[in-house]
């Protein structure tokens, strides 16, 4: 008997897969900011802090989608 996947799990998984590359791009942007020359008049620390915060928010969104899956299937989706 073929096991069916919940539509909720399918959608949460799809969304998580779509935002994962964005997290990678934002992290690369943060890394680039850290080594780049500061533009005149720019607050480099503020730039890095806000870029890093956006990365953390994306990572949090991925975790929350994992929690949706966990709440649907009743077990942890995290590696042990």
PDB file of N, CA and C in Angstrom:
ATOM      1  N   UNK A   1       0.832  -1.183   0.000  1.00  0.00           N
ATOM      2  CA  UNK A   1       0.000   0.000   0.000  1.00  0.00           C
ATOM      3  C   UNK A   1       0.881   1.252   0.000  1.00  0.00           C
ATOM      4  N   UNK A   2       0.613   2.142  -0.906  1.00  0.00           N
ATOM      5  CA  UNK A   2       1.393   3.364  -1.040  1.00  0.00           C
ATOM      6  C   UNK A   2       0.960   4.387   0.006  1.00  0.00           C
ATOM      7  N   UNK A   3       1.940   4.930   0.703  1.00  0.00           N
ATOM      8  CA  UNK A   3       1.666   5.928   1.732  1.00  0.00           C
ATOM      9  C   UNK A   3       1.472   7.294   1.073  1.00  0.00           C
ATOM     10  N   UNK A   4       0.386   7.972   1.389  1.00  0.00           N
ATOM     11  CA  UNK A   4       0.129   9.291   0.822  1.00  0.00           C
ATOM     12  C   UNK A   4       0.748  10.364   1.711  1.00  0.00           C
ATOM     13  N   UNK A   5       1.208  11.411   1.086  1.00  0.00           N
ATOM     14  CA  UNK A   5       1.802  12.524   1.808  1.00  0.00           C
ATOM     15  C   UNK A   5       0.733  13.591   2.008  1.00  0.00           C
ATOM     16  N   UNK A   6       0.649  14.076   3.222  1.00  0.00           N
ATOM     17  CA  UNK A   6      -0.306  15.130   3.557  1.00  0.00           C
ATOM     18  C   UNK A   6      -0.065  16.358   2.690  1.00  0.00           C
ATOM     19  N   UNK A   7      -1.146  17.019   2.251  1.00  0.00           N
ATOM     20  CA  UNK A   7      -0.980  18.267   1.492  1.00  0.00           C
ATOM     21  C   UNK A   7      -0.248  19.341   2.308  1.00  0.00           C
ATOM     22  N   UNK A   8      -0.450  19.332   3.610  1.00  0.00           N
ATOM     23  CA  UNK A   8       0.234  20.303   4.473  1.00  0.00           C
ATOM     24  C   UNK A   8       1.736  20.034   4.469  1.00  0.00           C
ATOM     25  N   UNK A   9       2.118  18.763   4.594  1.00  0.00           N
ATOM     26  CA  UNK A   9       3.534  18.392   4.580  1.00  0.00           C
ATOM     27  C   UNK A   9       4.141  18.724   3.221  1.00  0.00           C
ATOM     28  N   UNK A  10       3.417  18.436   2.164  1.00  0.00           N
ATOM     29  CA  UNK A  10       3.915  18.727   0.813  1.00  0.00           C
ATOM     30  C   UNK A  10       4.171  20.223   0.626  1.00  0.00           C
ATOM     31  N   UNK A  11       3.223  21.049   1.041  1.00  0.00           N
ATOM     32  CA  UNK A  11       3.361  22.496   0.868  1.00  0.00           C
ATOM     33  C   UNK A  11       4.477  23.051   1.750  1.00  0.00           C
ATOM     34  N   UNK A  12       4.543  22.608   3.008  1.00  0.00           N
ATOM     35  CA  UNK A  12       5.596  23.082   3.909  1.00  0.00           C
ATOM     36  C   UNK A  12       6.975  22.688   3.380  1.00  0.00           C
ATOM     37  N   UNK A  13       7.087  21.476   2.862  1.00  0.00           N
ATOM     38  CA  UNK A  13       8.346  21.008   2.292  1.00  0.00           C
ATOM     39  C   UNK A  13       8.717  21.824   1.059  1.00  0.00           C
ATOM     40  N   UNK A  14       7.735  22.077   0.209  1.00  0.00           N
ATOM     41  CA  UNK A  14       7.961  22.877  -1.002  1.00  0.00           C
ATOM     42  C   UNK A  14       8.449  24.284  -0.647  1.00  0.00           C
ATOM     43  N   UNK A  15       7.798  24.910   0.322  1.00  0.00           N
ATOM     44  CA  UNK A  15       8.187  26.261   0.723  1.00  0.00           C
ATOM     45  C   UNK A  15       9.590  26.270   1.337  1.00  0.00           C
ATOM     46  N   UNK A  16       9.880  25.266   2.153  1.00  0.00           N
ATOM     47  CA  UNK A  16      11.201  25.187   2.770  1.00  0.00           C
ATOM     48  C   UNK A  16      12.288  25.046   1.703  1.00  0.00           C
ATOM     49  N   UNK A  17      12.019  24.225   0.703  1.00  0.00           N
ATOM     50  CA  UNK A  17      12.988  24.042  -0.382  1.00  0.00           C
ATOM     51  C   UNK A  17      13.186  25.322  -1.196  1.00  0.00           C
ATOM     52  N   UNK A  18      12.129  26.119  -1.317  1.00  0.00           N
ATOM     53  CA  UNK A  18      12.229  27.366  -2.080  1.00  0.00           C
ATOM     54  C   UNK A  18      13.011  28.435  -1.331  1.00  0.00           C
ATOM     55  N   UNK A  19      12.899  28.470   0.000  1.00  0.00           N
ATOM     56  CA  UNK A  19      13.590  29.523   0.736  1.00  0.00           C
ATOM     57  C   UNK A  19      15.024  29.146   1.117  1.00  0.00           C
ATOM     58  N   UNK A  20      15.362  27.878   1.071  1.00  0.00           N
ATOM     59  CA  UNK A  20      16.720  27.460   1.421  1.00  0.00           C
ATOM     60  C   UNK A  20      17.791  28.129   0.551  1.00  0.00           C
ATOM     61  N   UNK A  21      17.613  28.195  -0.772  1.00  0.00           N
ATOM     62  CA  UNK A  21      18.625  28.885  -1.590  1.00  0.00           C
ATOM     63  C   UNK A  21      18.726  30.382  -1.253  1.00  0.00           C
ATOM     64  N   UNK A  22      17.621  30.984  -0.844  1.00  0.00           N
ATOM     65  CA  UNK A  22      17.641  32.390  -0.458  1.00  0.00           C
ATOM     66  C   UNK A  22      18.527  32.585   0.775  1.00  0.00           C
ATOM     67  N   UNK A  23      18.424  31.674   1.727  1.00  0.00           N
ATOM     68  CA  UNK A  23      19.272  31.755   2.919  1.00  0.00           C
ATOM     69  C   UNK A  23      20.745  31.690   2.529  1.00  0.00           C
ATOM     70  N   UNK A  24      21.075  30.812   1.606  1.00  0.00           N
ATOM     71  CA  UNK A  24      22.462  30.687   1.145  1.00  0.00           C
ATOM     72  C   UNK A  24      22.941  31.987   0.494  1.00  0.00           C
ATOM     73  N   UNK A  25      22.082  32.610  -0.307  1.00  0.00           N
ATOM     74  CA  UNK A  25      22.445  33.861  -0.988  1.00  0.00           C
ATOM     75  C   UNK A  25      22.619  35.005   0.011  1.00  0.00           C
ATOM     76  N   UNK A  26      21.746  35.062   0.999  1.00  0.00           N
ATOM     77  CA  UNK A  26      21.863  36.121   2.010  1.00  0.00           C
ATOM     78  C   UNK A  26      23.132  35.928   2.829  1.00  0.00           C
ATOM     79  N   UNK A  27      23.442  34.692   3.193  1.00  0.00           N
ATOM     80  CA  UNK A  27      24.672  34.419   3.954  1.00  0.00           C
ATOM     81  C   UNK A  27      25.902  34.827   3.141  1.00  0.00           C
ATOM     82  N   UNK A  28      25.904  34.535   1.858  1.00  0.00           N
ATOM     83  CA  UNK A  28      27.016  34.951   1.002  1.00  0.00           C
ATOM     84  C   UNK A  28      27.112  36.475   0.947  1.00  0.00           C
ATOM     85  N   UNK A  29      25.970  37.143   0.932  1.00  0.00           N
ATOM     86  CA  UNK A  29      25.932  38.603   0.941  1.00  0.00           C
ATOM     87  C   UNK A  29      26.535  39.147   2.228  1.00  0.00           C
ATOM     88  N   UNK A  30      26.182  38.546   3.364  1.00  0.00           N
ATOM     89  CA  UNK A  30      26.744  38.945   4.660  1.00  0.00           C
ATOM     90  C   UNK A  30      28.267  38.789   4.631  1.00  0.00           C
ATOM     91  N   UNK A  31      28.715  37.643   4.146  1.00  0.00           N
ATOM     92  CA  UNK A  31      30.155  37.388   4.061  1.00  0.00           C
ATOM     93  C   UNK A  31      30.850  38.433   3.183  1.00  0.00           C
ATOM     94  N   UNK A  32      30.218  38.793   2.078  1.00  0.00           N
ATOM     95  CA  UNK A  32      30.784  39.797   1.168  1.00  0.00           C
ATOM     96  C   UNK A  32      30.824  41.171   1.825  1.00  0.00           C
ATOM     97  N   UNK A  33      29.785  41.503   2.572  1.00  0.00           N
ATOM     98  CA  UNK A  33      29.776  42.786   3.275  1.00  0.00           C
ATOM     99  C   UNK A  33      30.920  42.884   4.276  1.00  0.00           C
ATOM    100  N   UNK A  34      31.199  41.785   4.945  1.00  0.00           N
ATOM    101  CA  UNK A  34      32.231  41.784   5.982  1.00  0.00           C
ATOM    102  C   UNK A  34      33.628  42.078   5.420  1.00  0.00           C
ATOM    103  N   UNK A  35      33.869  41.680   4.188  1.00  0.00           N
ATOM    104  CA  UNK A  35      35.206  41.874   3.615  1.00  0.00           C
ATOM    105  C   UNK A  35      35.287  43.039   2.628  1.00  0.00           C
ATOM    106  N   UNK A  36      34.143  43.634   2.334  1.00  0.00           N
ATOM    107  CA  UNK A  36      34.121  44.702   1.335  1.00  0.00           C
ATOM    108  C   UNK A  36      34.570  46.039   1.933  1.00  0.00           C
ATOM    109  N   UNK A  37      34.934  46.930   1.031  1.00  0.00           N
ATOM    110  CA  UNK A  37      35.242  48.305   1.424  1.00  0.00           C
ATOM    111  C   UNK A  37      33.926  48.987   1.817  1.00  0.00           C
ATOM    112  N   UNK A  38      34.008  49.841   2.794  1.00  0.00           N
ATOM    113  CA  UNK A  38      32.821  50.583   3.223  1.00  0.00           C
ATOM    114  C   UNK A  38      32.597  51.759   2.282  1.00  0.00           C
ATOM    115  N   UNK A  39      31.370  51.882   1.798  1.00  0.00           N
ATOM    116  CA  UNK A  39      31.035  53.026   0.952  1.00  0.00           C
ATOM    117  C   UNK A  39      31.041  54.283   1.810  1.00  0.00           C
ATOM    118  N   UNK A  40      31.437  55.383   1.201  1.00  0.00           N
ATOM    119  CA  UNK A  40      31.493  56.639   1.936  1.00  0.00           C
ATOM    120  C   UNK A  40      30.126  56.970   2.521  1.00  0.00           C
ATOM    121  N   UNK A  41      30.105  57.272   3.791  1.00  0.00           N
ATOM    122  CA  UNK A  41      28.864  57.641   4.471  1.00  0.00           C
ATOM    123  C   UNK A  41      28.047  56.459   4.952  1.00  0.00           C
ATOM    124  N   UNK A  42      28.483  55.254   4.634  1.00  0.00           N
ATOM    125  CA  UNK A  42      27.725  54.065   5.031  1.00  0.00           C
ATOM    126  C   UNK A  42      28.146  53.609   6.429  1.00  0.00           C
ATOM    127  N   UNK A  43      27.211  53.016   7.142  1.00  0.00           N
ATOM    128  CA  UNK A  43      27.479  52.431   8.458  1.00  0.00           C
ATOM    129  C   UNK A  43      27.635  50.931   8.249  1.00  0.00           C
ATOM    130  N   UNK A  44      28.877  50.490   8.082  1.00  0.00           N
ATOM    131  CA  UNK A  44      29.150  49.099   7.746  1.00  0.00           C
ATOM    132  C   UNK A  44      28.617  48.136   8.808  1.00  0.00           C
ATOM    133  N   UNK A  45      28.790  48.475  10.074  1.00  0.00           N
ATOM    134  CA  UNK A  45      28.298  47.598  11.140  1.00  0.00           C
ATOM    135  C   UNK A  45      26.787  47.423  11.064  1.00  0.00           C
ATOM    136  N   UNK A  46      26.091  48.507  10.761  1.00  0.00           N
ATOM    137  CA  UNK A  46      24.629  48.453  10.633  1.00  0.00           C
ATOM    138  C   UNK A  46      24.225  47.625   9.414  1.00  0.00           C
ATOM    139  N   UNK A  47      24.957  47.767   8.326  1.00  0.00           N
ATOM    140  CA  UNK A  47      24.684  46.964   7.128  1.00  0.00           C
ATOM    141  C   UNK A  47      24.814  45.471   7.440  1.00  0.00           C
ATOM    142  N   UNK A  48      25.922  45.111   8.063  1.00  0.00           N
ATOM    143  CA  UNK A  48      26.174  43.703   8.377  1.00  0.00           C
ATOM    144  C   UNK A  48      25.140  43.179   9.365  1.00  0.00           C
ATOM    145  N   UNK A  49      24.835  43.965  10.391  1.00  0.00           N
ATOM    146  CA  UNK A  49      23.873  43.534  11.406  1.00  0.00           C
ATOM    147  C   UNK A  49      22.498  43.258  10.793  1.00  0.00           C
ATOM    148  N   UNK A  50      22.051  44.145   9.926  1.00  0.00           N
ATOM    149  CA  UNK A  50      20.729  43.954   9.327  1.00  0.00           C
ATOM    150  C   UNK A  50      20.708  42.830   8.305  1.00  0.00           C
ATOM    151  N   UNK A  51      21.786  42.683   7.552  1.00  0.00           N
ATOM    152  CA  UNK A  51      21.856  41.560   6.611  1.00  0.00           C
ATOM    153  C   UNK A  51      21.861  40.235   7.369  1.00  0.00           C
ATOM    154  N   UNK A  52      22.614  40.180   8.472  1.00  0.00           N
ATOM    155  CA  UNK A  52      22.659  38.960   9.277  1.00  0.00           C
ATOM    156  C   UNK A  52      21.296  38.681   9.911  1.00  0.00           C
ATOM    157  N   UNK A  53      20.616  39.709  10.327  1.00  0.00           N
ATOM    158  CA  UNK A  53      19.282  39.535  10.901  1.00  0.00           C
ATOM    159  C   UNK A  53      18.315  38.966   9.864  1.00  0.00           C
ATOM    160  N   UNK A  54      18.431  39.424   8.624  1.00  0.00           N
ATOM    161  CA  UNK A  54      17.560  38.865   7.578  1.00  0.00           C
ATOM    162  C   UNK A  54      17.875  37.385   7.357  1.00  0.00           C
ATOM    163  N   UNK A  55      19.161  37.024   7.423  1.00  0.00           N
ATOM    164  CA  UNK A  55      19.546  35.615   7.310  1.00  0.00           C
ATOM    165  C   UNK A  55      18.938  34.797   8.448  1.00  0.00           C
ATOM    166  N   UNK A  56      19.013  35.308   9.653  1.00  0.00           N
ATOM    167  CA  UNK A  56      18.457  34.588  10.807  1.00  0.00           C
ATOM    168  C   UNK A  56      16.940  34.422  10.690  1.00  0.00           C
ATOM    169  N   UNK A  57      16.274  35.421  10.149  1.00  0.00           N
ATOM    170  CA  UNK A  57      14.825  35.314   9.960  1.00  0.00           C
ATOM    171  C   UNK A  57      14.483  34.218   8.947  1.00  0.00           C
ATOM    172  N   UNK A  58      15.262  34.113   7.892  1.00  0.00           N
ATOM    173  CA  UNK A  58      15.031  33.050   6.901  1.00  0.00           C
ATOM    174  C   UNK A  58      15.275  31.683   7.539  1.00  0.00           C
ATOM    175  N   UNK A  59      16.345  31.574   8.327  1.00  0.00           N
ATOM    176  CA  UNK A  59      16.626  30.312   9.019  1.00  0.00           C
ATOM    177  C   UNK A  59      15.494  29.971   9.990  1.00  0.00           C
ATOM    178  N   UNK A  60      14.951  30.984  10.654  1.00  0.00           N
ATOM    179  CA  UNK A  60      13.831  30.761  11.560  1.00  0.00           C
ATOM    180  C   UNK A  60      12.599  30.294  10.792  1.00  0.00           C
ATOM    181  N   UNK A  61      12.375  30.866   9.624  1.00  0.00           N
ATOM    182  CA  UNK A  61      11.232  30.439   8.799  1.00  0.00           C
ATOM    183  C   UNK A  61      11.373  28.969   8.410  1.00  0.00           C
ATOM    184  N   UNK A  62      12.592  28.550   8.060  1.00  0.00           N
ATOM    185  CA  UNK A  62      12.814  27.138   7.729  1.00  0.00           C
ATOM    186  C   UNK A  62      12.498  26.245   8.934  1.00  0.00           C
ATOM    187  N   UNK A  63      12.935  26.683  10.119  1.00  0.00           N
ATOM    188  CA  UNK A  63      12.665  25.916  11.335  1.00  0.00           C
ATOM    189  C   UNK A  63      11.165  25.840  11.611  1.00  0.00           C
ATOM    190  N   UNK A  64      10.472  26.937  11.408  1.00  0.00           N
ATOM    191  CA  UNK A  64       9.016  26.950  11.654  1.00  0.00           C
ATOM    192  C   UNK A  64       8.289  26.033  10.675  1.00  0.00           C
ATOM    193  N   UNK A  65       8.734  25.993   9.432  1.00  0.00           N
ATOM    194  CA  UNK A  65       8.126  25.066   8.473  1.00  0.00           C
ATOM    195  C   UNK A  65       8.403  23.621   8.877  1.00  0.00           C
ATOM    196  N   UNK A  66       9.592  23.360   9.411  1.00  0.00           N
ATOM    197  CA  UNK A  66       9.878  22.018   9.940  1.00  0.00           C
ATOM    198  C   UNK A  66       8.922  21.666  11.069  1.00  0.00           C
ATOM    199  N   UNK A  67       8.620  22.651  11.903  1.00  0.00           N
ATOM    200  CA  UNK A  67       7.689  22.431  13.011  1.00  0.00           C
ATOM    201  C   UNK A  67       6.268  22.156  12.505  1.00  0.00           C
ATOM    202  N   UNK A  68       5.885  22.775  11.388  1.00  0.00           N
ATOM    203  CA  UNK A  68       4.582  22.467  10.775  1.00  0.00           C
ATOM    204  C   UNK A  68       4.545  21.000  10.374  1.00  0.00           C
ATOM    205  N   UNK A  69       5.623  20.555   9.735  1.00  0.00           N
ATOM    206  CA  UNK A  69       5.703  19.151   9.320  1.00  0.00           C
ATOM    207  C   UNK A  69       5.660  18.247  10.544  1.00  0.00           C
ATOM    208  N   UNK A  70       6.426  18.589  11.562  1.00  0.00           N
ATOM    209  CA  UNK A  70       6.468  17.793  12.783  1.00  0.00           C
ATOM    210  C   UNK A  70       5.078  17.703  13.425  1.00  0.00           C
ATOM    211  N   UNK A  71       4.363  18.806  13.459  1.00  0.00           N
ATOM    212  CA  UNK A  71       3.028  18.814  14.063  1.00  0.00           C
ATOM    213  C   UNK A  71       2.037  17.996  13.238  1.00  0.00           C
ATOM    214  N   UNK A  72       2.312  17.853  11.958  1.00  0.00           N
ATOM    215  CA  UNK A  72       1.418  17.103  11.078  1.00  0.00           C
ATOM    216  C   UNK A  72       1.685  15.597  11.153  1.00  0.00           C
ATOM    217  N   UNK A  73       2.957  15.213  11.115  1.00  0.00           N
ATOM    218  CA  UNK A  73       3.288  13.781  11.088  1.00  0.00           C
ATOM    219  C   UNK A  73       3.547  13.207  12.478  1.00  0.00           C
ATOM    220  N   UNK A  74       3.713  14.081  13.469  1.00  0.00           N
ATOM    221  CA  UNK A  74       3.849  13.617  14.837  1.00  0.00           C
ATOM    222  C   UNK A  74       5.227  13.130  15.240  1.00  0.00           C
ATOM    223  N   UNK A  75       6.249  13.457  14.452  1.00  0.00           N
ATOM    224  CA  UNK A  75       7.613  13.104  14.845  1.00  0.00           C
ATOM    225  C   UNK A  75       8.572  14.167  14.360  1.00  0.00           C
ATOM    226  N   UNK A  76       9.732  14.188  14.969  1.00  0.00           N
ATOM    227  CA  UNK A  76      10.719  15.201  14.652  1.00  0.00           C
ATOM    228  C   UNK A  76      11.238  15.010  13.228  1.00  0.00           C
ATOM    229  N   UNK A  77      11.444  16.119  12.554  1.00  0.00           N
ATOM    230  CA  UNK A  77      12.009  16.087  11.207  1.00  0.00           C
ATOM    231  C   UNK A  77      13.505  16.387  11.242  1.00  0.00           C
ATOM    232  N   UNK A  78      14.025  16.576  12.457  1.00  0.00           N
ATOM    233  CA  UNK A  78      15.432  16.908  12.599  1.00  0.00           C
ATOM    234  C   UNK A  78      16.278  15.652  12.669  1.00  0.00           C
ATOM    235  N   UNK A  79      17.478  15.739  12.112  1.00  0.00           N
ATOM    236  CA  UNK A  79      18.421  14.623  12.207  1.00  0.00           C
ATOM    237  C   UNK A  79      18.835  14.434  13.650  1.00  0.00           C
ATOM    238  N   UNK A  80      19.077  13.197  13.989  1.00  0.00           N
ATOM    239  CA  UNK A  80      19.531  12.905  15.360  1.00  0.00           C
ATOM    240  C   UNK A  80      20.965  12.530  15.366  1.00  0.00           C
TER     241      UNK A  80
END
